[in-house]
Amino acid sequence: MNTDYTQKSTADLRRLVADINETIAAQKAMVEHITQVITERHAPRMALEMELAGKQHGEISREIDGVKLTYCVDKKVKWDSKQLQALASSLPWSTVERVFKIKFEVPEPTYKALTDDTLRAKIDEARTVEICAPKVVFAK
């Protein structure tokens, strides 16, 4: 498809983008539906296989009708920040650095609201602002 979009009006381009987005949304919905059908069809048996293998999470793959399917159960780990902070405060700093991932940042609204010039100057030393490439998009 070799279309010269440079000769089209902005209104035509806007309509074309809207049509393409509508087609993409319809195709995504179809893929989601097909995925749901495959999941309903094969998940119970594959879940039983994982259970018999003693796995609560992970993945198994099987070939069914000449197609390789993978059954995947992800795990999501959540940490209690207050509890970890209390633990970290009782450990040597070298242990804290080795065990914990620590990331400091200042939310932009908080930064903009700072009134302490001395603090702001110190924070500015650690602040980098990257300007993104400009783009023009269709307004909604």
N, C-alpha and C. Protein backbone atom coordinates (compact mmCIF):
# COMPACT_ATOMS: atom_id res chain seq x y z
N MET A 1 0.85 -1.17 0.00
CA MET A 1 0.00 0.00 0.00
C MET A 1 0.89 1.23 0.00
N ASN A 2 0.99 1.85 -1.14
CA ASN A 2 1.87 2.99 -1.30
C ASN A 2 1.02 4.21 -1.59
N THR A 3 0.45 4.80 -0.56
CA THR A 3 -0.43 5.94 -0.72
C THR A 3 0.35 7.21 -0.42
N ASP A 4 0.15 8.22 -1.23
CA ASP A 4 0.81 9.51 -1.00
C ASP A 4 -0.09 10.36 -0.11
N TYR A 5 0.17 10.31 1.17
CA TYR A 5 -0.64 11.05 2.13
C TYR A 5 -0.36 12.54 2.08
N THR A 6 0.74 12.93 1.47
CA THR A 6 1.09 14.35 1.44
C THR A 6 0.12 15.17 0.61
N GLN A 7 -0.62 14.52 -0.28
CA GLN A 7 -1.57 15.23 -1.14
C GLN A 7 -2.98 15.30 -0.55
N LYS A 8 -3.18 14.63 0.60
CA LYS A 8 -4.51 14.61 1.21
C LYS A 8 -4.69 15.80 2.14
N SER A 9 -5.92 16.25 2.28
CA SER A 9 -6.21 17.34 3.20
C SER A 9 -6.12 16.85 4.64
N THR A 10 -5.97 17.77 5.57
CA THR A 10 -5.91 17.41 6.98
C THR A 10 -7.21 16.72 7.40
N ALA A 11 -8.35 17.19 6.91
CA ALA A 11 -9.64 16.56 7.24
C ALA A 11 -9.69 15.12 6.73
N ASP A 12 -9.18 14.90 5.50
CA ASP A 12 -9.15 13.54 4.95
C ASP A 12 -8.24 12.64 5.79
N LEU A 13 -7.10 13.18 6.19
CA LEU A 13 -6.17 12.40 7.02
C LEU A 13 -6.80 12.06 8.36
N ARG A 14 -7.54 13.02 8.93
CA ARG A 14 -8.21 12.77 10.21
C ARG A 14 -9.23 11.65 10.07
N ARG A 15 -10.03 11.68 8.99
CA ARG A 15 -11.02 10.63 8.75
C ARG A 15 -10.33 9.28 8.54
N LEU A 16 -9.23 9.28 7.81
CA LEU A 16 -8.49 8.05 7.54
C LEU A 16 -7.96 7.45 8.85
N VAL A 17 -7.39 8.29 9.71
CA VAL A 17 -6.89 7.81 11.01
C VAL A 17 -8.04 7.27 11.85
N ALA A 18 -9.18 7.94 11.85
CA ALA A 18 -10.34 7.47 12.62
C ALA A 18 -10.80 6.11 12.10
N ASP A 19 -10.85 5.94 10.78
CA ASP A 19 -11.26 4.66 10.19
C ASP A 19 -10.28 3.55 10.56
N ILE A 20 -8.99 3.87 10.49
CA ILE A 20 -7.96 2.86 10.82
C ILE A 20 -8.08 2.48 12.29
N ASN A 21 -8.24 3.47 13.18
CA ASN A 21 -8.38 3.18 14.61
C ASN A 21 -9.60 2.32 14.89
N GLU A 22 -10.69 2.58 14.17
CA GLU A 22 -11.91 1.78 14.33
C GLU A 22 -11.66 0.33 13.89
N THR A 23 -10.96 0.15 12.78
CA THR A 23 -10.63 -1.19 12.28
C THR A 23 -9.73 -1.91 13.27
N ILE A 24 -8.73 -1.21 13.79
CA ILE A 24 -7.81 -1.82 14.77
C ILE A 24 -8.58 -2.26 16.01
N ALA A 25 -9.48 -1.42 16.50
CA ALA A 25 -10.27 -1.77 17.69
C ALA A 25 -11.12 -3.01 17.43
N ALA A 26 -11.72 -3.08 16.25
CA ALA A 26 -12.55 -4.25 15.92
C ALA A 26 -11.70 -5.51 15.83
N GLN A 27 -10.52 -5.41 15.25
CA GLN A 27 -9.63 -6.55 15.14
C GLN A 27 -9.14 -7.00 16.51
N LYS A 28 -8.81 -6.03 17.38
CA LYS A 28 -8.37 -6.38 18.75
C LYS A 28 -9.48 -7.09 19.50
N ALA A 29 -10.72 -6.64 19.32
CA ALA A 29 -11.85 -7.28 19.99
C ALA A 29 -12.02 -8.72 19.50
N MET A 30 -11.81 -8.94 18.21
CA MET A 30 -11.91 -10.30 17.67
C MET A 30 -10.82 -11.19 18.25
N VAL A 31 -9.60 -10.66 18.33
CA VAL A 31 -8.49 -11.43 18.89
C VAL A 31 -8.77 -11.77 20.35
N GLU A 32 -9.27 -10.80 21.12
CA GLU A 32 -9.61 -11.05 22.52
C GLU A 32 -10.67 -12.14 22.65
N HIS A 33 -11.66 -12.12 21.78
CA HIS A 33 -12.72 -13.13 21.81
C HIS A 33 -12.15 -14.52 21.49
N ILE A 34 -11.33 -14.60 20.46
CA ILE A 34 -10.73 -15.89 20.09
C ILE A 34 -9.84 -16.40 21.22
N THR A 35 -9.08 -15.50 21.84
CA THR A 35 -8.23 -15.89 22.97
C THR A 35 -9.07 -16.41 24.11
N GLN A 36 -10.20 -15.79 24.36
CA GLN A 36 -11.10 -16.25 25.42
C GLN A 36 -11.64 -17.65 25.11
N VAL A 37 -12.00 -17.90 23.87
CA VAL A 37 -12.50 -19.23 23.47
C VAL A 37 -11.42 -20.29 23.68
N ILE A 38 -10.19 -19.98 23.26
CA ILE A 38 -9.08 -20.93 23.44
C ILE A 38 -8.82 -21.15 24.93
N THR A 39 -8.87 -20.09 25.72
CA THR A 39 -8.65 -20.21 27.16
C THR A 39 -9.72 -21.09 27.79
N GLU A 40 -10.98 -20.84 27.47
CA GLU A 40 -12.07 -21.64 28.02
C GLU A 40 -11.95 -23.11 27.60
N ARG A 41 -11.47 -23.33 26.41
CA ARG A 41 -11.37 -24.69 25.88
C ARG A 41 -10.22 -25.48 26.52
N HIS A 42 -9.07 -24.84 26.73
CA HIS A 42 -7.88 -25.58 27.13
C HIS A 42 -7.37 -25.31 28.55
N ALA A 43 -7.77 -24.21 29.17
CA ALA A 43 -7.23 -23.86 30.49
C ALA A 43 -7.52 -24.89 31.56
N PRO A 44 -8.73 -25.45 31.63
CA PRO A 44 -8.98 -26.39 32.72
C PRO A 44 -8.00 -27.57 32.73
N ARG A 45 -7.77 -28.17 31.57
CA ARG A 45 -6.86 -29.32 31.51
C ARG A 45 -5.42 -28.89 31.81
N MET A 46 -5.01 -27.76 31.29
CA MET A 46 -3.64 -27.29 31.50
C MET A 46 -3.44 -26.86 32.96
N ALA A 47 -4.49 -26.31 33.58
CA ALA A 47 -4.40 -25.94 34.99
C ALA A 47 -4.23 -27.18 35.86
N LEU A 48 -4.93 -28.22 35.50
CA LEU A 48 -4.79 -29.48 36.23
C LEU A 48 -3.37 -30.03 36.08
N GLU A 49 -2.81 -29.94 34.90
CA GLU A 49 -1.43 -30.40 34.68
C GLU A 49 -0.46 -29.61 35.55
N MET A 50 -0.66 -28.29 35.65
CA MET A 50 0.22 -27.47 36.50
C MET A 50 0.06 -27.88 37.96
N GLU A 51 -1.18 -28.10 38.37
CA GLU A 51 -1.43 -28.51 39.76
C GLU A 51 -0.76 -29.84 40.06
N LEU A 52 -0.88 -30.80 39.15
CA LEU A 52 -0.26 -32.11 39.34
C LEU A 52 1.27 -32.00 39.35
N ALA A 53 1.80 -30.99 38.68
CA ALA A 53 3.25 -30.76 38.67
C ALA A 53 3.69 -29.98 39.92
N GLY A 54 2.71 -29.60 40.76
CA GLY A 54 3.04 -28.88 41.99
C GLY A 54 3.39 -27.43 41.77
N LYS A 55 2.94 -26.87 40.67
CA LYS A 55 3.26 -25.47 40.34
C LYS A 55 2.06 -24.58 40.60
N GLN A 56 2.29 -23.47 41.32
CA GLN A 56 1.23 -22.48 41.52
C GLN A 56 1.32 -21.38 40.47
N HIS A 57 2.53 -21.16 39.96
CA HIS A 57 2.72 -20.17 38.91
C HIS A 57 3.80 -20.68 37.97
N GLY A 58 3.89 -20.05 36.83
CA GLY A 58 4.84 -20.48 35.80
C GLY A 58 4.10 -20.78 34.53
N GLU A 59 4.69 -21.62 33.71
CA GLU A 59 4.01 -21.94 32.46
C GLU A 59 4.30 -23.36 32.02
N ILE A 60 3.37 -23.86 31.25
CA ILE A 60 3.54 -25.16 30.61
C ILE A 60 3.09 -25.00 29.17
N SER A 61 3.69 -25.76 28.29
CA SER A 61 3.33 -25.70 26.88
C SER A 61 2.93 -27.09 26.41
N ARG A 62 1.94 -27.13 25.56
CA ARG A 62 1.46 -28.38 24.99
C ARG A 62 1.12 -28.13 23.52
N GLU A 63 1.29 -29.17 22.71
CA GLU A 63 0.86 -29.08 21.33
C GLU A 63 -0.53 -29.68 21.23
N ILE A 64 -1.45 -28.90 20.72
CA ILE A 64 -2.85 -29.32 20.58
C ILE A 64 -3.28 -29.00 19.15
N ASP A 65 -3.77 -29.99 18.44
CA ASP A 65 -4.18 -29.84 17.04
C ASP A 65 -3.05 -29.27 16.18
N GLY A 66 -1.81 -29.67 16.50
CA GLY A 66 -0.66 -29.19 15.72
C GLY A 66 -0.23 -27.78 16.03
N VAL A 67 -0.80 -27.21 17.10
CA VAL A 67 -0.48 -25.84 17.49
C VAL A 67 0.07 -25.85 18.91
N LYS A 68 1.19 -25.19 19.11
CA LYS A 68 1.77 -25.13 20.44
C LYS A 68 1.09 -24.02 21.24
N LEU A 69 0.52 -24.40 22.39
CA LEU A 69 -0.14 -23.45 23.28
C LEU A 69 0.65 -23.38 24.58
N THR A 70 0.72 -22.22 25.16
CA THR A 70 1.38 -22.04 26.45
C THR A 70 0.36 -21.54 27.45
N TYR A 71 0.26 -22.24 28.56
CA TYR A 71 -0.60 -21.85 29.68
C TYR A 71 0.32 -21.16 30.68
N CYS A 72 0.00 -19.93 31.01
CA CYS A 72 0.89 -19.13 31.84
C CYS A 72 0.13 -18.55 33.02
N VAL A 73 0.69 -18.73 34.20
CA VAL A 73 0.14 -18.11 35.41
C VAL A 73 1.27 -17.27 36.01
N ASP A 74 1.11 -15.97 35.91
CA ASP A 74 2.12 -15.07 36.46
C ASP A 74 1.94 -14.93 37.96
N LYS A 75 2.99 -14.51 38.61
CA LYS A 75 2.87 -14.18 40.03
C LYS A 75 3.11 -12.68 40.17
N LYS A 76 2.45 -12.11 41.12
CA LYS A 76 2.60 -10.69 41.38
C LYS A 76 3.01 -10.55 42.85
N VAL A 77 4.15 -9.96 43.06
CA VAL A 77 4.67 -9.80 44.41
C VAL A 77 4.43 -8.36 44.84
N LYS A 78 3.87 -8.19 46.01
CA LYS A 78 3.65 -6.86 46.58
C LYS A 78 4.42 -6.77 47.89
N TRP A 79 4.98 -5.63 48.14
CA TRP A 79 5.76 -5.41 49.36
C TRP A 79 5.11 -4.33 50.19
N ASP A 80 5.17 -4.49 51.48
CA ASP A 80 4.67 -3.48 52.42
C ASP A 80 5.80 -2.48 52.66
N SER A 81 5.72 -1.32 52.02
CA SER A 81 6.79 -0.33 52.08
C SER A 81 7.10 0.13 53.49
N LYS A 82 6.07 0.35 54.29
CA LYS A 82 6.30 0.82 55.66
C LYS A 82 7.04 -0.24 56.47
N GLN A 83 6.68 -1.48 56.29
CA GLN A 83 7.34 -2.56 57.01
C GLN A 83 8.80 -2.70 56.57
N LEU A 84 9.02 -2.59 55.24
CA LEU A 84 10.39 -2.69 54.74
C LEU A 84 11.24 -1.49 55.18
N GLN A 85 10.61 -0.32 55.22
CA GLN A 85 11.33 0.87 55.67
C GLN A 85 11.75 0.71 57.14
N ALA A 86 10.86 0.17 57.94
CA ALA A 86 11.19 -0.06 59.36
C ALA A 86 12.33 -1.06 59.47
N LEU A 87 12.28 -2.12 58.67
CA LEU A 87 13.35 -3.11 58.68
C LEU A 87 14.66 -2.48 58.24
N ALA A 88 14.63 -1.71 57.15
CA ALA A 88 15.85 -1.10 56.62
C ALA A 88 16.48 -0.16 57.63
N SER A 89 15.65 0.54 58.40
CA SER A 89 16.20 1.49 59.38
C SER A 89 16.96 0.78 60.50
N SER A 90 16.74 -0.52 60.65
CA SER A 90 17.43 -1.26 61.70
C SER A 90 18.68 -1.99 61.19
N LEU A 91 18.97 -1.86 59.90
CA LEU A 91 20.10 -2.57 59.30
C LEU A 91 21.24 -1.62 58.97
N PRO A 92 22.44 -2.14 58.86
CA PRO A 92 23.55 -1.30 58.41
C PRO A 92 23.30 -0.83 56.97
N TRP A 93 23.76 0.37 56.65
CA TRP A 93 23.50 0.96 55.33
C TRP A 93 24.04 0.06 54.22
N SER A 94 25.17 -0.59 54.43
CA SER A 94 25.74 -1.46 53.39
C SER A 94 24.78 -2.62 53.08
N THR A 95 24.09 -3.13 54.10
CA THR A 95 23.11 -4.19 53.89
C THR A 95 21.89 -3.65 53.16
N VAL A 96 21.47 -2.46 53.56
CA VAL A 96 20.31 -1.83 52.91
C VAL A 96 20.58 -1.65 51.42
N GLU A 97 21.76 -1.15 51.07
CA GLU A 97 22.10 -0.93 49.66
C GLU A 97 22.16 -2.24 48.88
N ARG A 98 22.60 -3.30 49.53
CA ARG A 98 22.74 -4.61 48.87
C ARG A 98 21.39 -5.29 48.67
N VAL A 99 20.48 -5.13 49.63
CA VAL A 99 19.22 -5.88 49.63
C VAL A 99 18.08 -5.13 48.96
N PHE A 100 17.98 -3.85 49.19
CA PHE A 100 16.81 -3.09 48.75
C PHE A 100 17.09 -2.29 47.49
N LYS A 101 16.06 -2.12 46.70
CA LYS A 101 16.12 -1.20 45.57
C LYS A 101 15.53 0.12 46.08
N ILE A 102 16.35 1.13 46.07
CA ILE A 102 15.92 2.43 46.59
C ILE A 102 15.97 3.43 45.46
N LYS A 103 14.88 4.11 45.24
CA LYS A 103 14.80 5.11 44.18
C LYS A 103 14.14 6.35 44.77
N PHE A 104 14.85 7.44 44.72
CA PHE A 104 14.31 8.69 45.23
C PHE A 104 13.90 9.57 44.05
N GLU A 105 12.74 10.17 44.16
CA GLU A 105 12.31 11.15 43.17
C GLU A 105 11.32 12.09 43.82
N VAL A 106 11.19 13.25 43.24
CA VAL A 106 10.29 14.26 43.76
C VAL A 106 9.16 14.44 42.75
N PRO A 107 7.92 14.19 43.14
CA PRO A 107 6.81 14.41 42.20
C PRO A 107 6.81 15.86 41.73
N GLU A 108 6.54 16.07 40.47
CA GLU A 108 6.61 17.41 39.88
C GLU A 108 5.71 18.43 40.59
N PRO A 109 4.47 18.07 40.99
CA PRO A 109 3.66 19.06 41.73
C PRO A 109 4.31 19.46 43.05
N THR A 110 4.95 18.53 43.73
CA THR A 110 5.64 18.83 44.99
C THR A 110 6.82 19.75 44.71
N TYR A 111 7.56 19.45 43.66
CA TYR A 111 8.72 20.28 43.29
C TYR A 111 8.28 21.71 43.01
N LYS A 112 7.22 21.85 42.22
CA LYS A 112 6.74 23.18 41.86
C LYS A 112 6.23 23.96 43.07
N ALA A 113 5.77 23.25 44.09
CA ALA A 113 5.21 23.91 45.27
C ALA A 113 6.28 24.25 46.32
N LEU A 114 7.53 23.85 46.10
CA LEU A 114 8.58 24.13 47.08
C LEU A 114 8.79 25.64 47.24
N THR A 115 8.86 26.06 48.47
CA THR A 115 9.10 27.48 48.76
C THR A 115 10.46 27.70 49.42
N ASP A 116 11.09 26.63 49.88
CA ASP A 116 12.40 26.73 50.52
C ASP A 116 13.46 26.76 49.41
N ASP A 117 14.01 27.97 49.15
CA ASP A 117 14.96 28.14 48.05
C ASP A 117 16.23 27.31 48.24
N THR A 118 16.68 27.15 49.47
CA THR A 118 17.89 26.37 49.74
C THR A 118 17.65 24.90 49.39
N LEU A 119 16.51 24.37 49.83
CA LEU A 119 16.17 22.98 49.52
C LEU A 119 15.99 22.81 48.02
N ARG A 120 15.29 23.75 47.40
CA ARG A 120 15.04 23.66 45.96
C ARG A 120 16.36 23.67 45.18
N ALA A 121 17.30 24.48 45.60
CA ALA A 121 18.60 24.54 44.92
C ALA A 121 19.33 23.20 45.03
N LYS A 122 19.25 22.57 46.19
CA LYS A 122 19.89 21.26 46.36
C LYS A 122 19.20 20.19 45.51
N ILE A 123 17.89 20.27 45.46
CA ILE A 123 17.14 19.31 44.63
C ILE A 123 17.44 19.54 43.16
N ASP A 124 17.58 20.81 42.76
CA ASP A 124 17.89 21.14 41.36
C ASP A 124 19.18 20.48 40.88
N GLU A 125 20.12 20.28 41.79
CA GLU A 125 21.38 19.64 41.42
C GLU A 125 21.15 18.19 40.97
N ALA A 126 20.09 17.57 41.44
CA ALA A 126 19.79 16.17 41.10
C ALA A 126 18.70 16.06 40.04
N ARG A 127 18.24 17.18 39.52
CA ARG A 127 17.10 17.19 38.60
C ARG A 127 17.58 17.43 37.18
N THR A 128 17.12 16.58 36.27
CA THR A 128 17.40 16.75 34.85
C THR A 128 16.07 16.78 34.12
N VAL A 129 15.91 17.75 33.25
CA VAL A 129 14.70 17.85 32.45
C VAL A 129 15.07 17.59 31.00
N GLU A 130 14.43 16.60 30.41
CA GLU A 130 14.64 16.29 29.01
C GLU A 130 13.42 16.74 28.23
N ILE A 131 13.64 17.51 27.20
CA ILE A 131 12.54 17.99 26.36
C ILE A 131 12.32 16.97 25.25
N CYS A 132 11.07 16.54 25.11
CA CYS A 132 10.72 15.52 24.12
C CYS A 132 10.59 16.14 22.74
N ALA A 133 10.66 15.30 21.73
CA ALA A 133 10.49 15.76 20.36
C ALA A 133 9.05 16.25 20.17
N PRO A 134 8.89 17.36 19.46
CA PRO A 134 7.53 17.87 19.24
C PRO A 134 6.75 16.96 18.29
N LYS A 135 5.45 16.95 18.46
CA LYS A 135 4.59 16.20 17.54
C LYS A 135 3.25 16.91 17.48
N VAL A 136 2.56 16.68 16.40
CA VAL A 136 1.22 17.24 16.20
C VAL A 136 0.27 16.07 16.11
N VAL A 137 -0.78 16.09 16.93
CA VAL A 137 -1.76 15.00 16.93
C VAL A 137 -3.15 15.58 16.75
N PHE A 138 -4.06 14.73 16.34
CA PHE A 138 -5.45 15.14 16.21
C PHE A 138 -6.05 15.30 17.61
N ALA A 139 -6.67 16.44 17.87
CA ALA A 139 -7.33 16.67 19.15
C ALA A 139 -8.58 15.80 19.22
N LYS A 140 -8.91 15.39 20.42
CA LYS A 140 -10.09 14.53 20.58
C LYS A 140 -11.33 15.34 20.75
